[in-house]
Amino acid sequence: MYKKAQASFWTTEEINLSKDMHDWTNRLNEGEKMFISHVLAFFAASDGIVNENLVERFCADVQIAEARCFYGFQIMMENVHSETYSLLIETYIRDPGEKNRLFTAINTMPTVAEKAAWAQRWIRDDGSSFATRLVAFAAVEGIFFSGSFAAIFWLKKRGLMPGLTFSNELISRDEGLHTEFACLLFSNLTSRPAEDVVSAILREAVDIEKRFLCEALPVGLIGINRDMMCTYIEYVTDRLSCALGYEKMYGSANPFDFMEMISIEGKTNFFEKRVSEYARRKQEPEKDRDSL
């Protein structure tokens, strides 16, 4: 897994935003702009929280050398993600006051604050086992990000914001890998929480994500059906629950055909001028090395 992550390395300089401002100025309405800016504000805050957990808790909890190598690389990639979200906000938002509000979203935006508080609660939790906290942060990266990723992929389907949507492909692929690693590490633990404990954690995350994208920041602003987004969040959660070794919780099917086409796992779309299956070929991991 570490070698797979290494082979997928990219930098913010890969992102070309030259065409985005035309779409931002001429093709997006005010509701769509508000939706994008709020999602970027959450993303900008969340990567710092993920890194806080890795540095303060998981790197101390985990002594397996290969896992610590992966976490070290993940920390670097979360930094790249933070840099990218900062660049996107700096590019799209010209008003200094609004820009500052987005960069301090944990304190200024209740929609972001609830998600951040839930994640930070697990960082501070000294009463739960590592396995339980591992599930919680798999939910952060596998559930809290999923709806927003899908919303930005919806913009891609509409042919909008090519720089934003390309960065979304790269980052969603990274977060998918981070979630996959969490599930792999979880499967190697000798002591794992009961299914009802895991289900309770995942349901909390689902409820918060639904409030974020279906109520506080309605996806209807960009033309996505609210009920379909709620179903998609349930579908993603079912996949995560199964990857952790438990039963499906909702039995929901994927309502978004465009997500099947794109695939959150980063399958290449060969019709793109530049593909997001960007990898340094000399570092391509061997198929039989997909392990800790």
Protein backbone atom coordinates (compact mmCIF):
# COMPACT_ATOMS: atom_id res chain seq x y z
CA MET A 1 0.00 0.00 0.00
CA TYR A 2 2.85 2.38 0.73
CA LYS A 3 4.30 1.76 -2.73
CA LYS A 4 0.88 2.31 -4.31
CA ALA A 5 0.61 5.64 -2.51
CA GLN A 6 4.14 6.56 -3.54
CA ALA A 7 3.38 5.80 -7.19
CA SER A 8 0.38 8.14 -7.07
CA PHE A 9 2.34 11.17 -5.88
CA TRP A 10 1.38 14.53 -7.37
CA THR A 11 1.81 18.20 -6.53
CA THR A 12 -0.37 21.30 -6.61
CA GLU A 13 1.55 22.47 -9.68
CA GLU A 14 -0.22 19.70 -11.64
CA ILE A 15 -3.48 21.66 -11.40
CA ASN A 16 -4.28 24.07 -14.24
CA LEU A 17 -6.80 26.69 -13.15
CA SER A 18 -6.52 28.87 -16.25
CA LYS A 19 -10.06 28.09 -17.47
CA ASP A 20 -11.81 27.99 -14.12
CA MET A 21 -12.25 31.74 -13.64
CA HIS A 22 -14.23 31.99 -16.88
CA ASP A 23 -16.67 29.38 -15.58
CA TRP A 24 -16.73 30.96 -12.11
CA THR A 25 -17.54 34.39 -13.54
CA ASN A 26 -19.79 33.51 -16.47
CA ARG A 27 -21.30 30.04 -16.02
CA LEU A 28 -21.96 29.55 -12.30
CA ASN A 29 -24.86 31.17 -10.47
CA GLU A 30 -24.58 32.54 -6.93
CA GLY A 31 -25.96 29.38 -5.35
CA GLU A 32 -23.40 27.22 -7.13
CA LYS A 33 -20.59 29.54 -6.09
CA MET A 34 -21.73 29.41 -2.47
CA PHE A 35 -21.91 25.62 -2.56
CA ILE A 36 -18.40 25.26 -4.00
CA SER A 37 -16.87 27.76 -1.58
CA HIS A 38 -18.45 26.03 1.44
CA VAL A 39 -17.26 22.61 0.28
CA LEU A 40 -13.74 23.96 -0.24
CA ALA A 41 -13.86 25.50 3.24
CA PHE A 42 -14.69 22.11 4.74
CA PHE A 43 -11.97 20.38 2.75
CA ALA A 44 -9.37 22.99 3.71
CA ALA A 45 -10.16 22.47 7.40
CA SER A 46 -10.53 18.70 7.29
CA ASP A 47 -7.10 17.81 5.93
CA GLY A 48 -5.53 19.60 8.88
CA ILE A 49 -7.69 17.57 11.26
CA VAL A 50 -6.72 14.30 9.57
CA ASN A 51 -3.06 15.24 9.91
CA GLU A 52 -3.56 16.22 13.55
CA ASN A 53 -4.90 12.74 14.24
CA LEU A 54 -2.06 11.05 12.35
CA VAL A 55 0.67 13.03 14.10
CA GLU A 56 -0.80 13.08 17.62
CA ARG A 57 -2.46 9.66 17.81
CA PHE A 58 -2.02 7.09 15.04
CA CYS A 59 1.75 7.44 14.60
CA ALA A 60 2.07 6.84 18.35
CA ASP A 61 -0.48 4.02 18.38
CA VAL A 62 0.99 2.06 15.47
CA GLN A 63 4.43 0.49 15.71
CA ILE A 64 4.36 -1.52 12.45
CA ALA A 65 7.12 -0.04 10.29
CA GLU A 66 5.24 -0.43 7.00
CA ALA A 67 2.13 1.23 8.43
CA ARG A 68 4.16 4.13 9.78
CA CYS A 69 5.72 4.55 6.33
CA PHE A 70 2.23 4.81 4.88
CA TYR A 71 1.15 7.32 7.51
CA GLY A 72 4.25 9.40 6.84
CA PHE A 73 3.38 9.54 3.15
CA GLN A 74 -0.27 10.24 3.92
CA ILE A 75 0.74 13.22 6.04
CA MET A 76 2.67 14.63 3.09
CA MET A 77 -0.25 14.10 0.70
CA GLU A 78 -2.69 15.73 3.13
CA ASN A 79 -0.34 18.73 3.05
CA VAL A 80 -0.56 18.73 -0.76
CA HIS A 81 -4.35 18.61 -0.49
CA SER A 82 -4.35 21.55 1.95
CA GLU A 83 -2.11 23.54 -0.38
CA THR A 84 -4.43 22.76 -3.28
CA TYR A 85 -7.59 23.82 -1.44
CA SER A 86 -5.86 27.02 -0.34
CA LEU A 87 -4.93 27.73 -3.96
CA LEU A 88 -8.51 27.11 -5.11
CA ILE A 89 -9.94 29.47 -2.49
CA GLU A 90 -7.29 32.11 -3.24
CA THR A 91 -8.11 31.85 -6.96
CA TYR A 92 -11.91 31.91 -6.83
CA ILE A 93 -12.61 34.20 -3.87
CA ARG A 94 -11.48 37.79 -4.35
CA ASP A 95 -13.14 39.42 -1.33
CA PRO A 96 -10.64 39.38 1.60
CA GLY A 97 -13.35 39.12 4.26
CA GLU A 98 -15.04 36.16 2.59
CA LYS A 99 -11.69 34.51 1.99
CA ASN A 100 -10.82 34.81 5.67
CA ARG A 101 -14.23 33.39 6.63
CA LEU A 102 -13.60 30.32 4.47
CA PHE A 103 -10.08 29.78 5.80
CA THR A 104 -11.41 29.92 9.39
CA ALA A 105 -14.52 27.86 8.64
CA ILE A 106 -14.26 25.74 11.79
CA ASN A 107 -15.00 28.89 13.79
CA THR A 108 -17.21 30.79 11.36
CA MET A 109 -19.38 28.20 9.58
CA PRO A 110 -21.67 25.91 11.62
CA THR A 111 -22.01 23.50 8.68
CA VAL A 112 -18.27 22.85 8.81
CA ALA A 113 -17.94 23.11 12.59
CA GLU A 114 -20.18 20.10 13.28
CA LYS A 115 -18.13 17.79 11.06
CA ALA A 116 -14.86 19.10 12.47
CA ALA A 117 -16.05 18.73 16.07
CA TRP A 118 -17.02 15.09 15.48
CA ALA A 119 -13.58 14.25 14.09
CA GLN A 120 -11.77 16.16 16.83
CA ARG A 121 -13.80 14.34 19.46
CA TRP A 122 -12.20 11.09 18.33
CA ILE A 123 -8.70 12.59 18.43
CA ARG A 124 -9.23 13.54 22.08
CA ASP A 125 -10.97 10.28 23.02
CA ASP A 126 -8.76 8.41 25.49
CA GLY A 127 -11.40 5.86 26.41
CA SER A 128 -11.81 4.15 23.03
CA SER A 129 -9.51 1.53 21.56
CA PHE A 130 -7.26 2.19 18.57
CA ALA A 131 -9.51 -0.08 16.47
CA THR A 132 -12.56 2.04 17.31
CA ARG A 133 -10.78 5.29 16.49
CA LEU A 134 -9.50 3.73 13.26
CA VAL A 135 -13.12 3.12 12.23
CA ALA A 136 -14.02 6.72 13.11
CA PHE A 137 -11.31 8.16 10.87
CA ALA A 138 -12.15 5.72 8.10
CA ALA A 139 -15.60 7.32 8.34
CA VAL A 140 -14.09 10.81 8.17
CA GLU A 141 -12.22 10.06 4.95
CA GLY A 142 -14.70 7.54 3.53
CA ILE A 143 -18.03 9.20 4.40
CA PHE A 144 -17.47 12.88 5.25
CA PHE A 145 -15.63 13.45 1.96
CA SER A 146 -17.79 11.25 -0.27
CA GLY A 147 -20.77 13.49 -0.87
CA SER A 148 -18.65 16.55 -1.58
CA PHE A 149 -16.48 14.57 -3.99
CA ALA A 150 -19.62 13.40 -5.80
CA ALA A 151 -20.97 16.96 -5.96
CA ILE A 152 -17.79 18.19 -7.64
CA PHE A 153 -17.85 15.22 -10.04
CA TRP A 154 -21.37 16.38 -10.92
CA LEU A 155 -19.85 19.69 -12.02
CA LYS A 156 -17.41 17.71 -14.17
CA LYS A 157 -20.32 15.94 -15.84
CA ARG A 158 -21.71 19.37 -16.70
CA GLY A 159 -18.37 20.43 -18.20
CA LEU A 160 -17.65 23.05 -15.54
CA MET A 161 -14.51 24.08 -13.63
CA PRO A 162 -11.88 21.76 -15.21
CA GLY A 163 -9.13 22.67 -12.73
CA LEU A 164 -11.34 22.10 -9.70
CA THR A 165 -12.67 18.82 -11.05
CA PHE A 166 -9.20 17.53 -11.97
CA SER A 167 -7.93 18.27 -8.46
CA ASN A 168 -11.03 16.49 -7.16
CA GLU A 169 -10.11 13.37 -9.14
CA LEU A 170 -6.61 13.33 -7.71
CA ILE A 171 -7.67 14.02 -4.13
CA SER A 172 -10.61 11.59 -4.15
CA ARG A 173 -8.26 8.88 -5.41
CA ASP A 174 -5.86 9.63 -2.54
CA GLU A 175 -8.63 9.60 0.06
CA GLY A 176 -9.95 6.34 -1.36
CA LEU A 177 -6.49 4.86 -0.86
CA HIS A 178 -6.30 6.20 2.70
CA THR A 179 -9.67 4.62 3.50
CA GLU A 180 -8.58 1.36 1.88
CA PHE A 181 -5.46 1.34 4.05
CA ALA A 182 -7.52 1.93 7.19
CA CYS A 183 -9.65 -1.10 6.30
CA LEU A 184 -6.56 -3.20 5.56
CA LEU A 185 -4.94 -2.26 8.87
CA PHE A 186 -8.23 -2.90 10.67
CA SER A 187 -8.42 -6.41 9.17
CA ASN A 188 -5.00 -7.19 10.67
CA LEU A 189 -5.99 -6.25 14.22
CA THR A 190 -6.52 -9.13 16.63
CA SER A 191 -9.14 -7.27 18.66
CA ARG A 192 -11.91 -5.47 16.79
CA PRO A 193 -15.05 -3.73 18.09
CA ALA A 194 -18.46 -5.39 17.93
CA GLU A 195 -20.61 -4.73 14.88
CA ASP A 196 -23.08 -2.58 16.82
CA VAL A 197 -20.24 -0.28 17.92
CA VAL A 198 -19.01 0.12 14.34
CA SER A 199 -22.55 0.64 13.02
CA ALA A 200 -23.19 3.36 15.60
CA ILE A 201 -20.03 5.24 14.54
CA LEU A 202 -20.89 4.98 10.85
CA ARG A 203 -24.51 6.05 11.41
CA GLU A 204 -23.37 9.14 13.30
CA ALA A 205 -21.12 10.05 10.38
CA VAL A 206 -23.94 9.43 7.88
CA ASP A 207 -26.37 11.63 9.82
CA ILE A 208 -23.85 14.47 9.97
CA GLU A 209 -23.01 14.16 6.27
CA LYS A 210 -26.68 14.19 5.32
CA ARG A 211 -27.26 17.32 7.40
CA PHE A 212 -24.26 18.95 5.72
CA LEU A 213 -25.18 18.22 2.09
CA CYS A 214 -28.95 17.80 2.21
CA GLU A 215 -30.04 20.42 4.76
CA ALA A 216 -27.47 23.02 5.84
CA LEU A 217 -25.80 23.21 2.42
CA PRO A 218 -28.41 21.69 0.08
CA VAL A 219 -27.03 19.99 -3.02
CA GLY A 220 -30.05 21.35 -4.86
CA LEU A 221 -27.97 24.51 -5.22
CA ILE A 222 -25.97 22.76 -7.95
CA GLY A 223 -28.86 20.76 -9.40
CA ILE A 224 -28.43 17.42 -7.58
CA ASN A 225 -31.53 15.69 -6.22
CA ARG A 226 -31.46 15.73 -2.41
CA ASP A 227 -32.85 12.22 -1.94
CA MET A 228 -30.36 10.79 -4.43
CA MET A 229 -27.48 12.35 -2.50
CA CYS A 230 -28.77 10.85 0.75
CA THR A 231 -28.97 7.45 -0.96
CA TYR A 232 -25.44 7.86 -2.31
CA ILE A 233 -24.08 8.57 1.18
CA GLU A 234 -25.78 5.37 2.39
CA TYR A 235 -24.33 3.42 -0.55
CA VAL A 236 -20.80 4.62 0.24
CA THR A 237 -21.31 3.70 3.90
CA ASP A 238 -22.43 0.19 2.94
CA ARG A 239 -19.22 -0.23 0.95
CA LEU A 240 -17.15 0.95 3.90
CA SER A 241 -18.97 -1.34 6.33
CA CYS A 242 -18.31 -4.34 4.07
CA ALA A 243 -14.66 -3.33 3.62
CA LEU A 244 -14.32 -3.33 7.42
CA GLY A 245 -15.71 -6.87 7.50
CA TYR A 246 -19.28 -6.16 8.60
CA GLU A 247 -22.72 -6.35 6.98
CA LYS A 248 -24.32 -3.64 4.85
CA MET A 249 -26.29 -1.17 6.93
CA TYR A 250 -28.69 0.29 4.36
CA GLY A 251 -28.76 -1.90 1.25
CA SER A 252 -28.73 1.22 -0.93
CA ALA A 253 -27.70 1.14 -4.60
CA ASN A 254 -25.55 3.81 -6.24
CA PRO A 255 -28.01 6.38 -7.65
CA PHE A 256 -25.34 8.32 -9.56
CA ASP A 257 -24.43 6.83 -12.93
CA PHE A 258 -21.69 9.43 -13.35
CA MET A 259 -19.92 8.08 -10.26
CA GLU A 260 -19.97 4.59 -11.76
CA MET A 261 -18.36 5.97 -14.90
CA ILE A 262 -15.70 7.96 -13.12
CA SER A 263 -15.18 5.49 -10.24
CA ILE A 264 -13.92 6.85 -6.95
CA GLU A 265 -10.98 4.46 -7.25
CA GLY A 266 -9.46 6.50 -10.06
CA LYS A 267 -10.02 4.48 -13.23
CA THR A 268 -8.65 6.38 -16.19
CA ASN A 269 -10.97 8.24 -18.52
CA PHE A 270 -9.05 7.95 -21.77
CA PHE A 271 -11.05 10.74 -23.37
CA GLU A 272 -9.50 13.34 -21.08
CA LYS A 273 -6.72 15.53 -22.43
CA ARG A 274 -4.86 14.75 -19.23
CA VAL A 275 -5.72 11.67 -17.22
CA SER A 276 -5.98 11.67 -13.47
CA GLU A 277 -4.46 8.19 -13.20
CA TYR A 278 -1.22 10.15 -12.89
CA ALA A 279 1.61 8.03 -11.56
CA ARG A 280 5.37 8.00 -11.77
CA ARG A 281 5.89 4.92 -13.90
CA LYS A 282 9.25 4.03 -12.44
CA GLN A 283 7.56 3.74 -9.05
CA GLU A 284 4.64 1.57 -10.23
CA PRO A 285 3.96 -0.99 -7.46
CA GLU A 286 3.87 -4.66 -8.35
CA LYS A 287 0.43 -6.28 -8.18
CA ASP A 288 1.47 -8.79 -5.56
CA ARG A 289 2.74 -6.07 -3.22
CA ASP A 290 -0.71 -4.72 -2.30
CA SER A 291 -0.32 -5.37 1.40
CA LEU A 292 0.80 -3.58 4.51
